[in-house]
Amino acid sequence: MAKYTVNGVAFIGRTFDEYCRMFDLSEQDLLTHSFLDCPAGACSFTAEATQKGYDVQAVDCQYGHPASFFENTCHKQVTKIKAGMSGAEHLFDWSFYGTLDQLLALRQKAAHLFVTHIQTHSSLKVGNEELEISEEQASGYGDFYVHFGME
């Protein structure tokens, strides 16, 4: 009997579009609120949102490593997920992603955008760094605090 066999926490990420669909974020929400993604992992939400001009911060206890570390880690995680899910696809609802290959393509896209972003931006914070945010930003974070546990 096939089963999903990935163990532990996977350091992978979701894309901006996935976040917007999951949280039903409108253009108005994105324009009028600040966002704190914690733990952000290898998500491209911050990278893509920053590029679009939205106010977003990402925090994760894993941040602080060089981009090459994350590139290697993300590649290993996508490979691990593919191996863990292969043969167990029938256990999942694919109405959003379509197929395992499409899911993996989104994880690879998120990882690529994440790694590219950390090479040039400082909107990512290590989990124990102090974030300097205003009261106005903090109230916005309270409305849209983005948090994901294990995949």
C-alpha atoms as a PDB file:
ATOM      1  CA  MET A   1       0.000   0.000   0.000  1.00  0.00           C
ATOM      2  CA  ALA A   2       1.461   3.350  -1.086  1.00  0.00           C
ATOM      3  CA  LYS A   3       1.775   6.130   1.461  1.00  0.00           C
ATOM      4  CA  TYR A   4       3.269   9.582   1.725  1.00  0.00           C
ATOM      5  CA  THR A   5       6.715   9.012   3.218  1.00  0.00           C
ATOM      6  CA  VAL A   6       8.316  12.445   3.638  1.00  0.00           C
ATOM      7  CA  ASN A   7       9.356  12.843   7.279  1.00  0.00           C
ATOM      8  CA  GLY A   8      10.253  15.979   9.182  1.00  0.00           C
ATOM      9  CA  VAL A   9       9.951  19.600   8.148  1.00  0.00           C
ATOM     10  CA  ALA A  10      10.480  20.425   4.502  1.00  0.00           C
ATOM     11  CA  PHE A  11      12.167  23.782   3.845  1.00  0.00           C
ATOM     12  CA  ILE A  12      10.154  24.617   0.769  1.00  0.00           C
ATOM     13  CA  GLY A  13       7.894  27.445  -0.221  1.00  0.00           C
ATOM     14  CA  ARG A  14       4.782  28.582  -1.924  1.00  0.00           C
ATOM     15  CA  THR A  15       4.362  31.272  -4.564  1.00  0.00           C
ATOM     16  CA  PHE A  16       2.703  34.673  -4.304  1.00  0.00           C
ATOM     17  CA  ASP A  17      -0.326  33.396  -6.236  1.00  0.00           C
ATOM     18  CA  GLU A  18      -0.714  30.428  -3.879  1.00  0.00           C
ATOM     19  CA  TYR A  19      -0.718  32.767  -0.862  1.00  0.00           C
ATOM     20  CA  CYS A  20      -3.259  35.081  -2.464  1.00  0.00           C
ATOM     21  CA  ARG A  21      -5.584  32.176  -3.244  1.00  0.00           C
ATOM     22  CA  MET A  22      -5.186  30.535   0.174  1.00  0.00           C
ATOM     23  CA  PHE A  23      -5.851  33.750   2.083  1.00  0.00           C
ATOM     24  CA  ASP A  24      -8.252  35.273  -0.443  1.00  0.00           C
ATOM     25  CA  LEU A  25      -6.057  38.380  -0.648  1.00  0.00           C
ATOM     26  CA  SER A  26      -7.400  41.089  -2.915  1.00  0.00           C
ATOM     27  CA  GLU A  27      -5.469  43.859  -4.620  1.00  0.00           C
ATOM     28  CA  GLN A  28      -6.998  46.205  -2.017  1.00  0.00           C
ATOM     29  CA  ASP A  29      -5.707  44.009   0.845  1.00  0.00           C
ATOM     30  CA  LEU A  30      -2.231  44.004  -0.657  1.00  0.00           C
ATOM     31  CA  LEU A  31      -2.205  47.767  -1.122  1.00  0.00           C
ATOM     32  CA  THR A  32      -3.560  48.720   2.302  1.00  0.00           C
ATOM     33  CA  HIS A  33      -1.930  46.273   4.716  1.00  0.00           C
ATOM     34  CA  SER A  34       1.544  45.238   5.816  1.00  0.00           C
ATOM     35  CA  PHE A  35       2.394  41.542   5.860  1.00  0.00           C
ATOM     36  CA  LEU A  36       4.653  39.444   8.053  1.00  0.00           C
ATOM     37  CA  ASP A  37       5.360  35.965   6.726  1.00  0.00           C
ATOM     38  CA  CYS A  38       6.595  33.820   9.603  1.00  0.00           C
ATOM     39  CA  PRO A  39       8.003  31.229   9.347  1.00  0.00           C
ATOM     40  CA  ALA A  40       8.483  32.129   5.713  1.00  0.00           C
ATOM     41  CA  GLY A  41      10.733  29.291   4.599  1.00  0.00           C
ATOM     42  CA  ALA A  42      11.583  29.349   0.911  1.00  0.00           C
ATOM     43  CA  CYS A  43       8.341  31.047  -0.099  1.00  0.00           C
ATOM     44  CA  SER A  44       8.438  33.565  -2.903  1.00  0.00           C
ATOM     45  CA  PHE A  45       5.554  35.598  -1.444  1.00  0.00           C
ATOM     46  CA  THR A  46       7.923  38.250  -0.085  1.00  0.00           C
ATOM     47  CA  ALA A  47      10.047  38.303  -3.234  1.00  0.00           C
ATOM     48  CA  GLU A  48       7.076  38.688  -5.550  1.00  0.00           C
ATOM     49  CA  ALA A  49       5.146  41.069  -3.270  1.00  0.00           C
ATOM     50  CA  THR A  50       8.196  43.314  -2.811  1.00  0.00           C
ATOM     51  CA  GLN A  51       8.704  43.422  -6.564  1.00  0.00           C
ATOM     52  CA  LYS A  52       5.067  44.527  -6.933  1.00  0.00           C
ATOM     53  CA  GLY A  53       5.592  47.292  -4.345  1.00  0.00           C
ATOM     54  CA  TYR A  54       3.722  45.752  -1.379  1.00  0.00           C
ATOM     55  CA  ASP A  55       4.889  46.073   2.243  1.00  0.00           C
ATOM     56  CA  VAL A  56       6.089  42.605   3.242  1.00  0.00           C
ATOM     57  CA  GLN A  57       8.640  41.177   5.690  1.00  0.00           C
ATOM     58  CA  ALA A  58       9.743  37.552   5.917  1.00  0.00           C
ATOM     59  CA  VAL A  59      11.150  35.888   9.037  1.00  0.00           C
ATOM     60  CA  ASP A  60      12.472  32.391   9.555  1.00  0.00           C
ATOM     61  CA  CYS A  61      14.920  30.857  12.021  1.00  0.00           C
ATOM     62  CA  GLN A  62      16.721  29.271   9.052  1.00  0.00           C
ATOM     63  CA  TYR A  63      17.593  32.626   7.458  1.00  0.00           C
ATOM     64  CA  GLY A  64      21.143  33.851   7.834  1.00  0.00           C
ATOM     65  CA  HIS A  65      22.788  31.278   5.568  1.00  0.00           C
ATOM     66  CA  PRO A  66      24.239  32.195   2.173  1.00  0.00           C
ATOM     67  CA  ALA A  67      22.041  31.876  -0.922  1.00  0.00           C
ATOM     68  CA  SER A  68      23.969  28.752  -2.034  1.00  0.00           C
ATOM     69  CA  PHE A  69      22.869  26.966   1.144  1.00  0.00           C
ATOM     70  CA  PHE A  70      19.203  27.631   0.337  1.00  0.00           C
ATOM     71  CA  GLU A  71      19.632  26.720  -3.313  1.00  0.00           C
ATOM     72  CA  ASN A  72      21.052  23.336  -2.292  1.00  0.00           C
ATOM     73  CA  THR A  73      18.501  22.823   0.505  1.00  0.00           C
ATOM     74  CA  CYS A  74      15.512  23.633  -1.722  1.00  0.00           C
ATOM     75  CA  HIS A  75      16.750  21.292  -4.456  1.00  0.00           C
ATOM     76  CA  LYS A  76      17.138  18.469  -1.935  1.00  0.00           C
ATOM     77  CA  GLN A  77      13.690  19.134  -0.474  1.00  0.00           C
ATOM     78  CA  VAL A  78      11.926  19.073  -3.857  1.00  0.00           C
ATOM     79  CA  THR A  79      13.705  15.806  -4.649  1.00  0.00           C
ATOM     80  CA  LYS A  80      12.661  14.425  -1.255  1.00  0.00           C
ATOM     81  CA  ILE A  81       9.035  15.434  -1.798  1.00  0.00           C
ATOM     82  CA  LYS A  82       8.977  13.860  -5.261  1.00  0.00           C
ATOM     83  CA  ALA A  83      10.346  10.597  -3.897  1.00  0.00           C
ATOM     84  CA  GLY A  84       7.997  10.661  -0.916  1.00  0.00           C
ATOM     85  CA  MET A  85       4.870  11.326  -2.954  1.00  0.00           C
ATOM     86  CA  SER A  86       5.647   9.145  -5.970  1.00  0.00           C
ATOM     87  CA  GLY A  87       3.252   6.247  -6.035  1.00  0.00           C
ATOM     88  CA  ALA A  88       1.014   7.903  -3.453  1.00  0.00           C
ATOM     89  CA  GLU A  89      -0.544  10.530  -5.707  1.00  0.00           C
ATOM     90  CA  HIS A  90      -3.956   8.904  -5.326  1.00  0.00           C
ATOM     91  CA  LEU A  91      -3.965   9.931  -1.646  1.00  0.00           C
ATOM     92  CA  PHE A  92      -4.127  13.631  -2.489  1.00  0.00           C
ATOM     93  CA  ASP A  93      -6.690  16.052  -3.883  1.00  0.00           C
ATOM     94  CA  TRP A  94      -5.070  17.508  -6.998  1.00  0.00           C
ATOM     95  CA  SER A  95      -7.867  19.942  -7.868  1.00  0.00           C
ATOM     96  CA  PHE A  96      -5.614  22.936  -7.152  1.00  0.00           C
ATOM     97  CA  TYR A  97      -2.232  21.698  -8.403  1.00  0.00           C
ATOM     98  CA  GLY A  98      -3.290  19.301 -11.137  1.00  0.00           C
ATOM     99  CA  THR A  99      -0.432  16.814 -10.860  1.00  0.00           C
ATOM    100  CA  LEU A 100       2.620  16.056  -8.765  1.00  0.00           C
ATOM    101  CA  ASP A 101       4.825  17.502 -11.514  1.00  0.00           C
ATOM    102  CA  GLN A 102       2.852  20.759 -11.471  1.00  0.00           C
ATOM    103  CA  LEU A 103       3.166  20.951  -7.680  1.00  0.00           C
ATOM    104  CA  LEU A 104       6.906  20.382  -7.903  1.00  0.00           C
ATOM    105  CA  ALA A 105       7.209  23.030 -10.628  1.00  0.00           C
ATOM    106  CA  LEU A 106       5.591  25.563  -8.276  1.00  0.00           C
ATOM    107  CA  ARG A 107       7.950  24.570  -5.444  1.00  0.00           C
ATOM    108  CA  GLN A 108      10.919  25.004  -7.802  1.00  0.00           C
ATOM    109  CA  LYS A 109       9.605  28.384  -8.982  1.00  0.00           C
ATOM    110  CA  ALA A 110       9.137  29.565  -5.395  1.00  0.00           C
ATOM    111  CA  ALA A 111      12.650  28.389  -4.476  1.00  0.00           C
ATOM    112  CA  HIS A 112      14.226  30.098  -7.477  1.00  0.00           C
ATOM    113  CA  LEU A 113      12.466  33.412  -6.783  1.00  0.00           C
ATOM    114  CA  PHE A 114      13.288  33.134  -3.066  1.00  0.00           C
ATOM    115  CA  VAL A 115      17.010  32.512  -3.679  1.00  0.00           C
ATOM    116  CA  THR A 116      17.210  35.311  -6.239  1.00  0.00           C
ATOM    117  CA  HIS A 117      15.493  37.674  -3.784  1.00  0.00           C
ATOM    118  CA  ILE A 118      17.764  36.934  -0.824  1.00  0.00           C
ATOM    119  CA  GLN A 119      20.790  37.727  -2.929  1.00  0.00           C
ATOM    120  CA  THR A 120      19.647  41.325  -3.413  1.00  0.00           C
ATOM    121  CA  HIS A 121      17.158  42.293  -0.681  1.00  0.00           C
ATOM    122  CA  SER A 122      17.183  42.732   3.057  1.00  0.00           C
ATOM    123  CA  SER A 123      13.463  42.146   3.685  1.00  0.00           C
ATOM    124  CA  LEU A 124      14.241  38.717   5.147  1.00  0.00           C
ATOM    125  CA  LYS A 125      15.004  38.466   8.844  1.00  0.00           C
ATOM    126  CA  VAL A 126      16.564  35.693  10.872  1.00  0.00           C
ATOM    127  CA  GLY A 127      14.099  34.438  13.472  1.00  0.00           C
ATOM    128  CA  ASN A 128      15.961  35.954  16.413  1.00  0.00           C
ATOM    129  CA  GLU A 129      16.579  39.355  14.777  1.00  0.00           C
ATOM    130  CA  GLU A 130      14.536  42.242  16.060  1.00  0.00           C
ATOM    131  CA  LEU A 131      12.114  43.627  13.490  1.00  0.00           C
ATOM    132  CA  GLU A 132      11.720  47.377  13.587  1.00  0.00           C
ATOM    133  CA  ILE A 133       8.070  48.031  12.777  1.00  0.00           C
ATOM    134  CA  SER A 134       5.715  50.892  13.526  1.00  0.00           C
ATOM    135  CA  GLU A 135       2.454  50.535  15.456  1.00  0.00           C
ATOM    136  CA  GLU A 136       0.616  50.988  12.154  1.00  0.00           C
ATOM    137  CA  GLN A 137       2.569  48.138  10.580  1.00  0.00           C
ATOM    138  CA  ALA A 138       2.022  45.950  13.630  1.00  0.00           C
ATOM    139  CA  SER A 139      -1.735  46.418  13.391  1.00  0.00           C
ATOM    140  CA  GLY A 140      -1.542  45.440   9.723  1.00  0.00           C
ATOM    141  CA  TYR A 141       0.442  42.344  10.617  1.00  0.00           C
ATOM    142  CA  GLY A 142      -2.255  41.441  13.100  1.00  0.00           C
ATOM    143  CA  ASP A 143      -4.772  41.387  10.251  1.00  0.00           C
ATOM    144  CA  PHE A 144      -2.679  39.367   7.838  1.00  0.00           C
ATOM    145  CA  TYR A 145      -0.075  37.362   9.714  1.00  0.00           C
ATOM    146  CA  VAL A 146       0.912  34.615   7.304  1.00  0.00           C
ATOM    147  CA  HIS A 147       2.011  31.416   9.006  1.00  0.00           C
ATOM    148  CA  PHE A 148       2.555  27.911   7.742  1.00  0.00           C
ATOM    149  CA  GLY A 149       3.632  24.888   9.685  1.00  0.00           C
ATOM    150  CA  MET A 150       4.825  21.706   8.077  1.00  0.00           C
ATOM    151  CA  GLU A 151       3.878  20.937   4.488  1.00  0.00           C
END
